[in-house]
Full PDB file with SEQRES, HELIX, SHEET, SSBOND, CRYST1, ORIGX, SCALE, CONECT and MASTER records, all heavy atoms in Angstrom:
SEQRES   1 A   45  LEU ARG LEU SER CYS ALA ALA SER GLY MET ILE PHE ARG          
SEQRES   2 A   45  LEU ASN GLY MET GLY TRP TYR ARG GLN ALA PRO GLY LYS          
SEQRES   3 A   45  GLN ARG ASP MET VAL ALA THR ILE THR SER GLY GLY SER          
SEQRES   4 A   45  THR ASN TYR ALA ASP SER                                      
HELIX    1 AA1 PHE A   12  LEU A   14  5                                   3    
SHEET    1 AA1 3 MET A  17  GLN A  22  0                                        
SHEET    2 AA1 3 ARG A  28  ILE A  34 -1                                        
SHEET    3 AA1 3 THR A  40  TYR A  42 -1                                        
CRYST1    1.000    1.000    1.000  90.00  90.00  90.00 P 1           1          
ORIGX1      1.000000  0.000000  0.000000        0.00000                         
ORIGX2      0.000000  1.000000  0.000000        0.00000                         
ORIGX3      0.000000  0.000000  1.000000        0.00000                         
SCALE1      1.000000  0.000000  0.000000        0.00000                         
SCALE2      0.000000  1.000000  0.000000        0.00000                         
SCALE3      0.000000  0.000000  1.000000        0.00000                         
ATOM      1  N   LEU A   1      27.274 -43.871-142.706  1.00  0.00           N  
ATOM      2  CA  LEU A   1      27.030 -45.264-143.036  1.00  0.00           C  
ATOM      3  C   LEU A   1      27.821 -46.133-142.072  1.00  0.00           C  
ATOM      4  O   LEU A   1      28.870 -45.715-141.571  1.00  0.00           O  
ATOM      5  CB  LEU A   1      27.469 -45.603-144.460  1.00  0.00           C  
ATOM      6  CG  LEU A   1      26.607 -45.136-145.630  1.00  0.00           C  
ATOM      7  CD1 LEU A   1      27.322 -45.427-146.947  1.00  0.00           C  
ATOM      8  CD2 LEU A   1      25.248 -45.807-145.612  1.00  0.00           C  
ATOM      9  N   ARG A   2      27.314 -47.342-141.843  1.00  0.00           N  
ATOM     10  CA  ARG A   2      28.043 -48.322-141.042  1.00  0.00           C  
ATOM     11  C   ARG A   2      28.246 -49.573-141.867  1.00  0.00           C  
ATOM     12  O   ARG A   2      27.287 -50.227-142.267  1.00  0.00           O  
ATOM     13  CB  ARG A   2      27.275 -48.661-139.769  1.00  0.00           C  
ATOM     14  CG  ARG A   2      28.070 -49.528-138.788  1.00  0.00           C  
ATOM     15  CD  ARG A   2      27.166 -50.108-137.736  1.00  0.00           C  
ATOM     16  NE  ARG A   2      27.886 -50.653-136.597  1.00  0.00           N  
ATOM     17  CZ  ARG A   2      27.398 -51.593-135.794  1.00  0.00           C  
ATOM     18  NH1 ARG A   2      26.182 -52.090-136.011  1.00  0.00           N  
ATOM     19  NH2 ARG A   2      28.117 -52.026-134.761  1.00  0.00           N  
ATOM     20  N   LEU A   3      29.494 -49.886-142.122  1.00  0.00           N  
ATOM     21  CA  LEU A   3      29.847 -51.090-142.863  1.00  0.00           C  
ATOM     22  C   LEU A   3      30.110 -52.237-141.901  1.00  0.00           C  
ATOM     23  O   LEU A   3      30.616 -52.021-140.792  1.00  0.00           O  
ATOM     24  CB  LEU A   3      31.088 -50.847-143.710  1.00  0.00           C  
ATOM     25  CG  LEU A   3      31.059 -49.655-144.666  1.00  0.00           C  
ATOM     26  CD1 LEU A   3      32.340 -49.628-145.501  1.00  0.00           C  
ATOM     27  CD2 LEU A   3      29.841 -49.669-145.543  1.00  0.00           C  
ATOM     28  N   SER A   4      29.789 -53.441-142.355  1.00  0.00           N  
ATOM     29  CA  SER A   4      30.057 -54.649-141.589  1.00  0.00           C  
ATOM     30  C   SER A   4      30.838 -55.629-142.439  1.00  0.00           C  
ATOM     31  O   SER A   4      30.669 -55.664-143.658  1.00  0.00           O  
ATOM     32  CB  SER A   4      28.745 -55.317-141.142  1.00  0.00           C  
ATOM     33  OG  SER A   4      27.979 -54.471-140.324  1.00  0.00           O  
ATOM     34  N   CYS A   5      31.656 -56.424-141.796  1.00  0.00           N  
ATOM     35  CA  CYS A   5      32.404 -57.477-142.477  1.00  0.00           C  
ATOM     36  C   CYS A   5      32.336 -58.726-141.616  1.00  0.00           C  
ATOM     37  O   CYS A   5      32.881 -58.753-140.504  1.00  0.00           O  
ATOM     38  CB  CYS A   5      33.845 -57.061-142.704  1.00  0.00           C  
ATOM     39  SG  CYS A   5      34.910 -58.391-143.305  1.00  0.00           S  
ATOM     40  N   ALA A   6      31.654 -59.739-142.127  1.00  0.00           N  
ATOM     41  CA  ALA A   6      31.522 -61.003-141.412  1.00  0.00           C  
ATOM     42  C   ALA A   6      32.597 -61.970-141.889  1.00  0.00           C  
ATOM     43  O   ALA A   6      32.734 -62.204-143.090  1.00  0.00           O  
ATOM     44  CB  ALA A   6      30.140 -61.591-141.656  1.00  0.00           C  
ATOM     45  N   ALA A   7      33.328 -62.519-140.938  1.00  0.00           N  
ATOM     46  CA  ALA A   7      34.434 -63.417-141.251  1.00  0.00           C  
ATOM     47  C   ALA A   7      34.093 -64.853-140.886  1.00  0.00           C  
ATOM     48  O   ALA A   7      33.412 -65.106-139.884  1.00  0.00           O  
ATOM     49  CB  ALA A   7      35.688 -62.971-140.496  1.00  0.00           C  
ATOM     50  N   SER A   8      34.578 -65.763-141.696  1.00  0.00           N  
ATOM     51  CA  SER A   8      34.443 -67.186-141.396  1.00  0.00           C  
ATOM     52  C   SER A   8      35.690 -67.908-141.867  1.00  0.00           C  
ATOM     53  O   SER A   8      36.435 -67.392-142.712  1.00  0.00           O  
ATOM     54  CB  SER A   8      33.195 -67.772-142.063  1.00  0.00           C  
ATOM     55  OG  SER A   8      33.272 -67.638-143.463  1.00  0.00           O  
ATOM     56  N   GLY A   9      35.922 -69.099-141.306  1.00  0.00           N  
ATOM     57  CA  GLY A   9      37.063 -69.887-141.726  1.00  0.00           C  
ATOM     58  C   GLY A   9      38.373 -69.479-141.090  1.00  0.00           C  
ATOM     59  O   GLY A   9      39.438 -69.957-141.509  1.00  0.00           O  
ATOM     60  N   MET A  10      38.343 -68.592-140.108  1.00  0.00           N  
ATOM     61  CA  MET A  10      39.544 -68.159-139.417  1.00  0.00           C  
ATOM     62  C   MET A  10      39.247 -68.041-137.931  1.00  0.00           C  
ATOM     63  O   MET A  10      38.083 -67.955-137.526  1.00  0.00           O  
ATOM     64  CB  MET A  10      40.020 -66.790-139.937  1.00  0.00           C  
ATOM     65  CG  MET A  10      39.052 -65.649-139.678  1.00  0.00           C  
ATOM     66  SD  MET A  10      39.762 -63.979-139.798  1.00  0.00           S  
ATOM     67  CE  MET A  10      40.336 -63.939-141.457  1.00  0.00           C  
ATOM     68  N   ILE A  11      40.312 -68.038-137.125  1.00  0.00           N  
ATOM     69  CA  ILE A  11      40.146 -67.749-135.694  1.00  0.00           C  
ATOM     70  C   ILE A  11      40.159 -66.233-135.573  1.00  0.00           C  
ATOM     71  O   ILE A  11      41.203 -65.596-135.401  1.00  0.00           O  
ATOM     72  CB  ILE A  11      41.248 -68.403-134.865  1.00  0.00           C  
ATOM     73  CG1 ILE A  11      41.297 -69.907-135.130  1.00  0.00           C  
ATOM     74  CG2 ILE A  11      40.995 -68.158-133.369  1.00  0.00           C  
ATOM     75  CD1 ILE A  11      42.418 -70.644-134.451  1.00  0.00           C  
ATOM     76  N   PHE A  12      38.982 -65.660-135.687  1.00  0.00           N  
ATOM     77  CA  PHE A  12      38.822 -64.216-135.855  1.00  0.00           C  
ATOM     78  C   PHE A  12      39.493 -63.436-134.738  1.00  0.00           C  
ATOM     79  O   PHE A  12      40.180 -62.446-134.990  1.00  0.00           O  
ATOM     80  CB  PHE A  12      37.335 -63.880-135.930  1.00  0.00           C  
ATOM     81  CG  PHE A  12      37.041 -62.418-136.124  1.00  0.00           C  
ATOM     82  CD1 PHE A  12      37.154 -61.842-137.383  1.00  0.00           C  
ATOM     83  CD2 PHE A  12      36.636 -61.627-135.062  1.00  0.00           C  
ATOM     84  CE1 PHE A  12      36.879 -60.500-137.572  1.00  0.00           C  
ATOM     85  CE2 PHE A  12      36.358 -60.282-135.236  1.00  0.00           C  
ATOM     86  CZ  PHE A  12      36.486 -59.718-136.505  1.00  0.00           C  
ATOM     87  N   ARG A  13      39.311 -63.867-133.496  1.00  0.00           N  
ATOM     88  CA  ARG A  13      39.786 -63.067-132.359  1.00  0.00           C  
ATOM     89  C   ARG A  13      41.313 -62.935-132.348  1.00  0.00           C  
ATOM     90  O   ARG A  13      41.855 -62.035-131.715  1.00  0.00           O  
ATOM     91  CB  ARG A  13      39.319 -63.686-131.045  1.00  0.00           C  
ATOM     92  CG  ARG A  13      39.993 -64.993-130.684  1.00  0.00           C  
ATOM     93  CD  ARG A  13      39.481 -65.584-129.392  1.00  0.00           C  
ATOM     94  NE  ARG A  13      40.249 -66.739-128.959  1.00  0.00           N  
ATOM     95  CZ  ARG A  13      40.098 -67.959-129.431  1.00  0.00           C  
ATOM     96  NH1 ARG A  13      39.202 -68.178-130.356  1.00  0.00           N  
ATOM     97  NH2 ARG A  13      40.836 -68.953-128.979  1.00  0.00           N  
ATOM     98  N   LEU A  14      42.008 -63.800-133.058  1.00  0.00           N  
ATOM     99  CA  LEU A  14      43.468 -63.767-133.073  1.00  0.00           C  
ATOM    100  C   LEU A  14      44.031 -62.906-134.206  1.00  0.00           C  
ATOM    101  O   LEU A  14      45.239 -62.710-134.288  1.00  0.00           O  
ATOM    102  CB  LEU A  14      44.032 -65.182-133.199  1.00  0.00           C  
ATOM    103  CG  LEU A  14      43.692 -66.143-132.065  1.00  0.00           C  
ATOM    104  CD1 LEU A  14      44.361 -67.495-132.323  1.00  0.00           C  
ATOM    105  CD2 LEU A  14      44.112 -65.585-130.721  1.00  0.00           C  
ATOM    106  N   ASN A  15      43.147 -62.416-135.068  1.00  0.00           N  
ATOM    107  CA  ASN A  15      43.591 -61.682-136.250  1.00  0.00           C  
ATOM    108  C   ASN A  15      43.344 -60.196-136.156  1.00  0.00           C  
ATOM    109  O   ASN A  15      42.231 -59.763-135.822  1.00  0.00           O  
ATOM    110  CB  ASN A  15      42.869 -62.213-137.493  1.00  0.00           C  
ATOM    111  CG  ASN A  15      43.464 -63.501-137.998  1.00  0.00           C  
ATOM    112  OD1 ASN A  15      44.424 -63.495-138.762  1.00  0.00           O  
ATOM    113  ND2 ASN A  15      42.894 -64.610-137.573  1.00  0.00           N  
ATOM    114  N   GLY A  16      44.369 -59.404-136.470  1.00  0.00           N  
ATOM    115  CA  GLY A  16      44.125 -57.994-136.732  1.00  0.00           C  
ATOM    116  C   GLY A  16      43.344 -57.883-138.030  1.00  0.00           C  
ATOM    117  O   GLY A  16      43.520 -58.691-138.940  1.00  0.00           O  
ATOM    118  N   MET A  17      42.474 -56.886-138.101  1.00  0.00           N  
ATOM    119  CA  MET A  17      41.622 -56.710-139.277  1.00  0.00           C  
ATOM    120  C   MET A  17      41.739 -55.284-139.799  1.00  0.00           C  
ATOM    121  O   MET A  17      42.173 -54.373-139.081  1.00  0.00           O  
ATOM    122  CB  MET A  17      40.159 -57.013-138.927  1.00  0.00           C  
ATOM    123  CG  MET A  17      39.901 -58.431-138.450  1.00  0.00           C  
ATOM    124  SD  MET A  17      40.270 -59.673-139.724  1.00  0.00           S  
ATOM    125  CE  MET A  17      39.061 -59.275-140.982  1.00  0.00           C  
ATOM    126  N   GLY A  18      41.332 -55.096-141.033  1.00  0.00           N  
ATOM    127  CA  GLY A  18      41.415 -53.769-141.613  1.00  0.00           C  
ATOM    128  C   GLY A  18      40.339 -53.520-142.642  1.00  0.00           C  
ATOM    129  O   GLY A  18      39.782 -54.453-143.212  1.00  0.00           O  
ATOM    130  N   TRP A  19      40.072 -52.265-142.860  1.00  0.00           N  
ATOM    131  CA  TRP A  19      39.216 -51.810-143.957  1.00  0.00           C  
ATOM    132  C   TRP A  19      40.083 -51.083-144.979  1.00  0.00           C  
ATOM    133  O   TRP A  19      40.976 -50.308-144.612  1.00  0.00           O  
ATOM    134  CB  TRP A  19      38.129 -50.870-143.447  1.00  0.00           C  
ATOM    135  CG  TRP A  19      36.997 -51.577-142.770  1.00  0.00           C  
ATOM    136  CD1 TRP A  19      36.837 -51.762-141.422  1.00  0.00           C  
ATOM    137  CD2 TRP A  19      35.881 -52.196-143.402  1.00  0.00           C  
ATOM    138  NE1 TRP A  19      35.685 -52.470-141.180  1.00  0.00           N  
ATOM    139  CE2 TRP A  19      35.071 -52.742-142.382  1.00  0.00           C  
ATOM    140  CE3 TRP A  19      35.459 -52.348-144.728  1.00  0.00           C  
ATOM    141  CZ2 TRP A  19      33.886 -53.424-142.649  1.00  0.00           C  
ATOM    142  CZ3 TRP A  19      34.300 -53.018-144.997  1.00  0.00           C  
ATOM    143  CH2 TRP A  19      33.508 -53.552-143.959  1.00  0.00           C  
ATOM    144  N   TYR A  20      39.787 -51.335-146.231  1.00  0.00           N  
ATOM    145  CA  TYR A  20      40.533 -50.760-147.349  1.00  0.00           C  
ATOM    146  C   TYR A  20      39.517 -50.238-148.352  1.00  0.00           C  
ATOM    147  O   TYR A  20      38.358 -50.664-148.356  1.00  0.00           O  
ATOM    148  CB  TYR A  20      41.419 -51.834-147.983  1.00  0.00           C  
ATOM    149  CG  TYR A  20      42.328 -52.523-146.987  1.00  0.00           C  
ATOM    150  CD1 TYR A  20      41.850 -53.562-146.196  1.00  0.00           C  
ATOM    151  CD2 TYR A  20      43.646 -52.109-146.810  1.00  0.00           C  
ATOM    152  CE1 TYR A  20      42.666 -54.174-145.244  1.00  0.00           C  
ATOM    153  CE2 TYR A  20      44.463 -52.724-145.870  1.00  0.00           C  
ATOM    154  CZ  TYR A  20      43.959 -53.748-145.091  1.00  0.00           C  
ATOM    155  OH  TYR A  20      44.758 -54.342-144.149  1.00  0.00           O  
ATOM    156  N   ARG A  21      39.946 -49.326-149.205  1.00  0.00           N  
ATOM    157  CA  ARG A  21      39.033 -48.832-150.227  1.00  0.00           C  
ATOM    158  C   ARG A  21      39.766 -48.578-151.524  1.00  0.00           C  
ATOM    159  O   ARG A  21      40.967 -48.293-151.531  1.00  0.00           O  
ATOM    160  CB  ARG A  21      38.321 -47.564-149.759  1.00  0.00           C  
ATOM    161  CG  ARG A  21      39.204 -46.338-149.599  1.00  0.00           C  
ATOM    162  CD  ARG A  21      38.396 -45.184-148.996  1.00  0.00           C  
ATOM    163  NE  ARG A  21      39.206 -43.977-148.841  1.00  0.00           N  
ATOM    164  CZ  ARG A  21      38.767 -42.872-148.216  1.00  0.00           C  
ATOM    165  NH1 ARG A  21      37.536 -42.836-147.704  1.00  0.00           N  
ATOM    166  NH2 ARG A  21      39.555 -41.823-148.116  1.00  0.00           N  
ATOM    167  N   GLN A  22      38.998 -48.679-152.601  1.00  0.00           N  
ATOM    168  CA  GLN A  22      39.559 -48.443-153.935  1.00  0.00           C  
ATOM    169  C   GLN A  22      38.568 -47.619-154.730  1.00  0.00           C  
ATOM    170  O   GLN A  22      37.454 -48.063-155.003  1.00  0.00           O  
ATOM    171  CB  GLN A  22      39.856 -49.761-154.643  1.00  0.00           C  
ATOM    172  CG  GLN A  22      40.594 -49.593-155.953  1.00  0.00           C  
ATOM    173  CD  GLN A  22      41.143 -50.899-156.473  1.00  0.00           C  
ATOM    174  OE1 GLN A  22      40.697 -51.980-156.114  1.00  0.00           O  
ATOM    175  NE2 GLN A  22      42.136 -50.821-157.347  1.00  0.00           N  
ATOM    176  N   ALA A  23      38.998 -46.424-155.086  1.00  0.00           N  
ATOM    177  CA  ALA A  23      38.208 -45.547-155.940  1.00  0.00           C  
ATOM    178  C   ALA A  23      38.540 -45.852-157.401  1.00  0.00           C  
ATOM    179  O   ALA A  23      39.619 -46.385-157.702  1.00  0.00           O  
ATOM    180  CB  ALA A  23      38.497 -44.093-155.620  1.00  0.00           C  
ATOM    181  N   PRO A  24      37.642 -45.514-158.316  1.00  0.00           N  
ATOM    182  CA  PRO A  24      37.894 -45.797-159.736  1.00  0.00           C  
ATOM    183  C   PRO A  24      39.216 -45.194-160.212  1.00  0.00           C  
ATOM    184  O   PRO A  24      39.489 -44.012-159.969  1.00  0.00           O  
ATOM    185  CB  PRO A  24      36.707 -45.147-160.432  1.00  0.00           C  
ATOM    186  CG  PRO A  24      35.626 -45.146-159.411  1.00  0.00           C  
ATOM    187  CD  PRO A  24      36.309 -44.928-158.100  1.00  0.00           C  
ATOM    188  N   GLY A  25      40.026 -46.006-160.845  1.00  0.00           N  
ATOM    189  CA  GLY A  25      41.291 -45.539-161.387  1.00  0.00           C  
ATOM    190  C   GLY A  25      42.395 -45.337-160.376  1.00  0.00           C  
ATOM    191  O   GLY A  25      43.467 -44.830-160.720  1.00  0.00           O  
ATOM    192  N   LYS A  26      42.151 -45.725-159.135  1.00  0.00           N  
ATOM    193  CA  LYS A  26      43.150 -45.519-158.085  1.00  0.00           C  
ATOM    194  C   LYS A  26      43.525 -46.848-157.441  1.00  0.00           C  
ATOM    195  O   LYS A  26      42.835 -47.846-157.589  1.00  0.00           O  
ATOM    196  CB  LYS A  26      42.628 -44.544-157.037  1.00  0.00           C  
ATOM    197  CG  LYS A  26      42.373 -43.145-157.575  1.00  0.00           C  
ATOM    198  CD  LYS A  26      42.051 -42.183-156.454  1.00  0.00           C  
ATOM    199  CE  LYS A  26      41.884 -40.762-156.975  1.00  0.00           C  
ATOM    200  NZ  LYS A  26      41.587 -39.793-155.895  1.00  0.00           N  
ATOM    201  N   GLN A  27      44.610 -46.842-156.705  1.00  0.00           N  
ATOM    202  CA  GLN A  27      45.032 -48.051-156.018  1.00  0.00           C  
ATOM    203  C   GLN A  27      44.185 -48.268-154.770  1.00  0.00           C  
ATOM    204  O   GLN A  27      43.511 -47.354-154.294  1.00  0.00           O  
ATOM    205  CB  GLN A  27      46.506 -47.946-155.634  1.00  0.00           C  
ATOM    206  CG  GLN A  27      46.798 -46.887-154.574  1.00  0.00           C  
ATOM    207  CD  GLN A  27      48.274 -46.828-154.212  1.00  0.00           C  
ATOM    208  OE1 GLN A  27      49.136 -47.325-154.931  1.00  0.00           O  
ATOM    209  NE2 GLN A  27      48.589 -46.238-153.078  1.00  0.00           N  
ATOM    210  N   ARG A  28      44.249 -49.481-154.263  1.00  0.00           N  
ATOM    211  CA  ARG A  28      43.531 -49.817-153.035  1.00  0.00           C  
ATOM    212  C   ARG A  28      44.358 -49.336-151.848  1.00  0.00           C  
ATOM    213  O   ARG A  28      45.539 -49.671-151.727  1.00  0.00           O  
ATOM    214  CB  ARG A  28      43.295 -51.319-152.956  1.00  0.00           C  
ATOM    215  CG  ARG A  28      42.334 -51.761-151.890  1.00  0.00           C  
ATOM    216  CD  ARG A  28      42.017 -53.247-152.039  1.00  0.00           C  
ATOM    217  NE  ARG A  28      41.427 -53.533-153.353  1.00  0.00           N  
ATOM    218  CZ  ARG A  28      41.028 -54.750-153.717  1.00  0.00           C  
ATOM    219  NH1 ARG A  28      41.142 -55.781-152.894  1.00  0.00           N  
ATOM    220  NH2 ARG A  28      40.516 -54.942-154.912  1.00  0.00           N  
ATOM    221  N   ASP A  29      43.739 -48.571-150.975  1.00  0.00           N  
ATOM    222  CA  ASP A  29      44.442 -47.975-149.846  1.00  0.00           C  
ATOM    223  C   ASP A  29      43.845 -48.420-148.523  1.00  0.00           C  
ATOM    224  O   ASP A  29      42.651 -48.706-148.425  1.00  0.00           O  
ATOM    225  CB  ASP A  29      44.368 -46.443-149.906  1.00  0.00           C  
ATOM    226  CG  ASP A  29      45.166 -45.862-151.057  1.00  0.00           C  
ATOM    227  OD1 ASP A  29      46.219 -46.442-151.396  1.00  0.00           O  
ATOM    228  OD2 ASP A  29      44.726 -44.840-151.604  1.00  0.00           O  
ATOM    229  N   MET A  30      44.670 -48.422-147.504  1.00  0.00           N  
ATOM    230  CA  MET A  30      44.203 -48.716-146.155  1.00  0.00           C  
ATOM    231  C   MET A  30      43.358 -47.550-145.653  1.00  0.00           C  
ATOM    232  O   MET A  30      43.725 -46.392-145.814  1.00  0.00           O  
ATOM    233  CB  MET A  30      45.396 -48.951-145.225  1.00  0.00           C  
ATOM    234  CG  MET A  30      45.050 -49.352-143.803  1.00  0.00           C  
ATOM    235  SD  MET A  30      44.658 -47.976-142.682  1.00  0.00           S  
ATOM    236  CE  MET A  30      46.279 -47.247-142.473  1.00  0.00           C  
ATOM    237  N   VAL A  31      42.257 -47.869-145.009  1.00  0.00           N  
ATOM    238  CA  VAL A  31      41.407 -46.862-144.388  1.00  0.00           C  
ATOM    239  C   VAL A  31      41.577 -46.892-142.868  1.00  0.00           C  
ATOM    240  O   VAL A  31      41.780 -45.863-142.236  1.00  0.00           O  
ATOM    241  CB  VAL A  31      39.930 -47.104-144.738  1.00  0.00           C  
ATOM    242  CG1 VAL A  31      39.017 -46.143-143.989  1.00  0.00           C  
ATOM    243  CG2 VAL A  31      39.715 -46.998-146.241  1.00  0.00           C  
ATOM    244  N   ALA A  32      41.483 -48.097-142.288  1.00  0.00           N  
ATOM    245  CA  ALA A  32      41.579 -48.243-140.841  1.00  0.00           C  
ATOM    246  C   ALA A  32      41.931 -49.685-140.512  1.00  0.00           C  
ATOM    247  O   ALA A  32      41.552 -50.597-141.250  1.00  0.00           O  
ATOM    248  CB  ALA A  32      40.257 -47.867-140.167  1.00  0.00           C  
ATOM    249  N   THR A  33      42.666 -49.867-139.432  1.00  0.00           N  
ATOM    250  CA  THR A  33      42.988 -51.209-138.959  1.00  0.00           C  
ATOM    251  C   THR A  33      42.747 -51.315-137.469  1.00  0.00           C  
ATOM    252  O   THR A  33      42.738 -50.306-136.750  1.00  0.00           O  
ATOM    253  CB  THR A  33      44.454 -51.589-139.247  1.00  0.00           C  
ATOM    254  OG1 THR A  33      45.323 -50.700-138.539  1.00  0.00           O  
ATOM    255  CG2 THR A  33      44.756 -51.545-140.745  1.00  0.00           C  
ATOM    256  N   ILE A  34      42.546 -52.546-137.017  1.00  0.00           N  
ATOM    257  CA  ILE A  34      42.359 -52.813-135.608  1.00  0.00           C  
ATOM    258  C   ILE A  34      43.083 -54.106-135.278  1.00  0.00           C  
ATOM    259  O   ILE A  34      42.939 -55.097-135.985  1.00  0.00           O  
ATOM    260  CB  ILE A  34      40.855 -52.869-135.237  1.00  0.00           C  
ATOM    261  CG1 ILE A  34      40.677 -53.036-133.730  1.00  0.00           C  
ATOM    262  CG2 ILE A  34      40.118 -53.961-136.018  1.00  0.00           C  
ATOM    263  CD1 ILE A  34      39.234 -52.782-133.269  1.00  0.00           C  
ATOM    264  N   THR A  35      43.876 -54.076-134.218  1.00  0.00           N  
ATOM    265  CA  THR A  35      44.617 -55.270-133.833  1.00  0.00           C  
ATOM    266  C   THR A  35      43.700 -56.237-133.087  1.00  0.00           C  
ATOM    267  O   THR A  35      42.565 -55.896-132.725  1.00  0.00           O  
ATOM    268  CB  THR A  35      45.804 -54.896-132.931  1.00  0.00           C  
ATOM    269  OG1 THR A  35      45.302 -54.412-131.673  1.00  0.00           O  
ATOM    270  CG2 THR A  35      46.691 -53.838-133.579  1.00  0.00           C  
ATOM    271  N   SER A  36      44.226 -57.422-132.804  1.00  0.00           N  
ATOM    272  CA  SER A  36      43.454 -58.387-132.026  1.00  0.00           C  
ATOM    273  C   SER A  36      43.170 -57.842-130.628  1.00  0.00           C  
ATOM    274  O   SER A  36      42.157 -58.194-130.015  1.00  0.00           O  
ATOM    275  CB  SER A  36      44.192 -59.721-131.940  1.00  0.00           C  
ATOM    276  OG  SER A  36      45.478 -59.537-131.370  1.00  0.00           O  
ATOM    277  N   GLY A  37      44.011 -56.966-130.148  1.00  0.00           N  
ATOM    278  CA  GLY A  37      43.825 -56.376-128.825  1.00  0.00           C  
ATOM    279  C   GLY A  37      42.984 -55.113-128.820  1.00  0.00           C  
ATOM    280  O   GLY A  37      42.714 -54.553-127.753  1.00  0.00           O  
ATOM    281  N   GLY A  38      42.598 -54.655-130.004  1.00  0.00           N  
ATOM    282  CA  GLY A  38      41.711 -53.498-130.081  1.00  0.00           C  
ATOM    283  C   GLY A  38      42.384 -52.168-130.377  1.00  0.00           C  
ATOM    284  O   GLY A  38      41.700 -51.138-130.441  1.00  0.00           O  
ATOM    285  N   SER A  39      43.682 -52.163-130.613  1.00  0.00           N  
ATOM    286  CA  SER A  39      44.357 -50.915-130.979  1.00  0.00           C  
ATOM    287  C   SER A  39      44.015 -50.563-132.418  1.00  0.00           C  
ATOM    288  O   SER A  39      43.985 -51.435-133.280  1.00  0.00           O  
ATOM    289  CB  SER A  39      45.864 -51.049-130.816  1.00  0.00           C  
ATOM    290  OG  SER A  39      46.195 -51.276-129.465  1.00  0.00           O  
ATOM    291  N   THR A  40      43.788 -49.275-132.659  1.00  0.00           N  
ATOM    292  CA  THR A  40      43.329 -48.839-133.971  1.00  0.00           C  
ATOM    293  C   THR A  40      44.313 -47.888-134.637  1.00  0.00           C  
ATOM    294  O   THR A  40      45.128 -47.231-133.966  1.00  0.00           O  
ATOM    295  CB  THR A  40      41.964 -48.144-133.859  1.00  0.00           C  
ATOM    296  OG1 THR A  40      42.078 -47.035-132.964  1.00  0.00           O  
ATOM    297  CG2 THR A  40      40.915 -49.099-133.337  1.00  0.00           C  
ATOM    298  N   ASN A  41      44.208 -47.828-135.952  1.00  0.00           N  
ATOM    299  CA  ASN A  41      45.030 -46.930-136.754  1.00  0.00           C  
ATOM    300  C   ASN A  41      44.181 -46.475-137.938  1.00  0.00           C  
ATOM    301  O   ASN A  41      43.397 -47.265-138.478  1.00  0.00           O  
ATOM    302  CB  ASN A  41      46.283 -47.650-137.246  1.00  0.00           C  
ATOM    303  CG  ASN A  41      47.218 -46.720-138.003  1.00  0.00           C  
ATOM    304  OD1 ASN A  41      47.521 -45.633-137.526  1.00  0.00           O  
ATOM    305  ND2 ASN A  41      47.648 -47.127-139.179  1.00  0.00           N  
ATOM    306  N   TYR A  42      44.338 -45.204-138.322  1.00  0.00           N  
ATOM    307  CA  TYR A  42      43.506 -44.637-139.372  1.00  0.00           C  
ATOM    308  C   TYR A  42      44.349 -43.901-140.404  1.00  0.00           C  
ATOM    309  O   TYR A  42      45.378 -43.294-140.070  1.00  0.00           O  
ATOM    310  CB  TYR A  42      42.493 -43.652-138.787  1.00  0.00           C  
ATOM    311  CG  TYR A  42      41.499 -44.283-137.841  1.00  0.00           C  
ATOM    312  CD1 TYR A  42      41.753 -44.317-136.478  1.00  0.00           C  
ATOM    313  CD2 TYR A  42      40.324 -44.857-138.323  1.00  0.00           C  
ATOM    314  CE1 TYR A  42      40.860 -44.911-135.602  1.00  0.00           C  
ATOM    315  CE2 TYR A  42      39.420 -45.447-137.453  1.00  0.00           C  
ATOM    316  CZ  TYR A  42      39.700 -45.474-136.102  1.00  0.00           C  
ATOM    317  OH  TYR A  42      38.804 -46.068-135.242  1.00  0.00           O  
ATOM    318  N   ALA A  43      43.883 -43.913-141.626  1.00  0.00           N  
ATOM    319  CA  ALA A  43      44.456 -43.044-142.637  1.00  0.00           C  
ATOM    320  C   ALA A  43      44.167 -41.598-142.242  1.00  0.00           C  
ATOM    321  O   ALA A  43      43.121 -41.294-141.668  1.00  0.00           O  
ATOM    322  CB  ALA A  43      43.854 -43.353-144.001  1.00  0.00           C  
ATOM    323  N   ASP A  44      45.087 -40.715-142.570  1.00  0.00           N  
ATOM    324  CA  ASP A  44      44.917 -39.310-142.184  1.00  0.00           C  
ATOM    325  C   ASP A  44      43.608 -38.728-142.730  1.00  0.00           C  
ATOM    326  O   ASP A  44      42.971 -37.890-142.083  1.00  0.00           O  
ATOM    327  CB  ASP A  44      46.096 -38.483-142.699  1.00  0.00           C  
ATOM    328  CG  ASP A  44      47.372 -38.736-141.916  1.00  0.00           C  
ATOM    329  OD1 ASP A  44      47.288 -39.302-140.805  1.00  0.00           O  
ATOM    330  OD2 ASP A  44      48.454 -38.372-142.413  1.00  0.00           O  
ATOM    331  N   SER A  45      43.214 -39.176-143.906  1.00  0.00           N  
ATOM    332  CA  SER A  45      42.039 -38.607-144.564  1.00  0.00           C  
ATOM    333  C   SER A  45      40.726 -38.925-143.852  1.00  0.00           C  
ATOM    334  O   SER A  45      39.709 -38.283-144.112  1.00  0.00           O  
ATOM    335  CB  SER A  45      41.970 -39.095-146.013  1.00  0.00           C  
ATOM    336  OG  SER A  45      41.888 -40.505-146.057  1.00  0.00           O  
TER     337      SER A  45                                                      
MASTER        0    0    0    1    3    0    0    6  336    1    0    4          
END                                                                             
């Protein structure tokens, strides 16, 4: 699957962004992040 997230109301290019997920009964966890410069980080899973 490919997820998309459209942003408005911010200067998008200056912001690092991230994807997070929450399964039923669990806390919300980081999945992946990307800096304004394009550096990425991922959860081990």
